[in-house]
């Protein structure tokens, strides 16, 4: 194995000029940038977004910019490693906080990236996906998969805010990101699938009478998620419980490129996960605690969000009973065949 590779400056200037004219470049001076030994060298840095600091800015955006001029009124959570304005929180995950005011409608569109909404605050909002009206209550996880028409509305009387999580950076990198707009969808006059076909875990519509859609369940109500976490924690013995959000028909992650994991930590509980090749973002549904990421300490509370790069050394400590949702790119890495966990 080469200890030290040659540099570009070691090559004669006339040779460098000739390569530039031919549109080629030597690999060896750049190799360690793209193939470092042992582990990646991520550009992504751990990030933290305090909800109480961001919320007034989002409400001010509601005063300054009508939804008609914004299409989606969002403040983007930018990766500190890429700088303010970066359209990504990690290499593959985009995060943004979106505001919808009473009576407003976010127009219908469809796009190649997939999105998930995690409800943060307020009541009365809904998302319509392929004609299915999905209520949005605090903590609910709502899917708008790539290729599915969706719009948002608000029948309530108070502002609503949710966290958007998209695989947008992947599609931008592949130069495959685009959207189309259309009229608001006609809503089917029935409850969403989480209240009918998939009301109970382990039960699904009979295969002889129903052919499931690719994304059969678009809403994952938080009330049921929290109840399941509490049951798991009670019988798990260590106070920590984690549950993956899955497609109820296939058992796979809810989206091809992004996974979502609900977490519960008991008061005083410490969680030190293995070093994972996946990047992650954590949204706090409820509770307070401290997380240390690669030696950097973040104190978090309700509705805060923080992120971690690949192979990050993470330590969570709950100051009180806490519930979080972890957004991660493990499904994409598993499809590419390189997802990995390492002991600390």
Foldseek 3Di string as FASTA:
>chain_A
DDPDFDAPVVDDPVVVVVCVVVVHDDCGNCVCQPVPPPAHDFLFDKFWDACVVCVVVLVVLVVVDPCVRVLWSWDWRDGVSVHPPHQANGLFKTKIKTKDAAFDKRFKKAKQKKKKKAWADDFFKWKAWQQATGGHDHGKIFIRHHPIIMMMHGNDHGMTMIMMMIRVSVCVVVVNIDMDGDGDDHHDPDHACCVPQVVDQPGGPDPVVDDADPQNHGMDDVVVVVVVQVVCLVPVPQQKGKDWDARRVPRHANYQFKTKMKIKHAAFHKDWFFQKQKKKKKFWSAAWWWKAWQNRIDTHGHGMMMIHYHRIGMMITTNHITMMMMMIGVSVCVVVPHIDTDHD
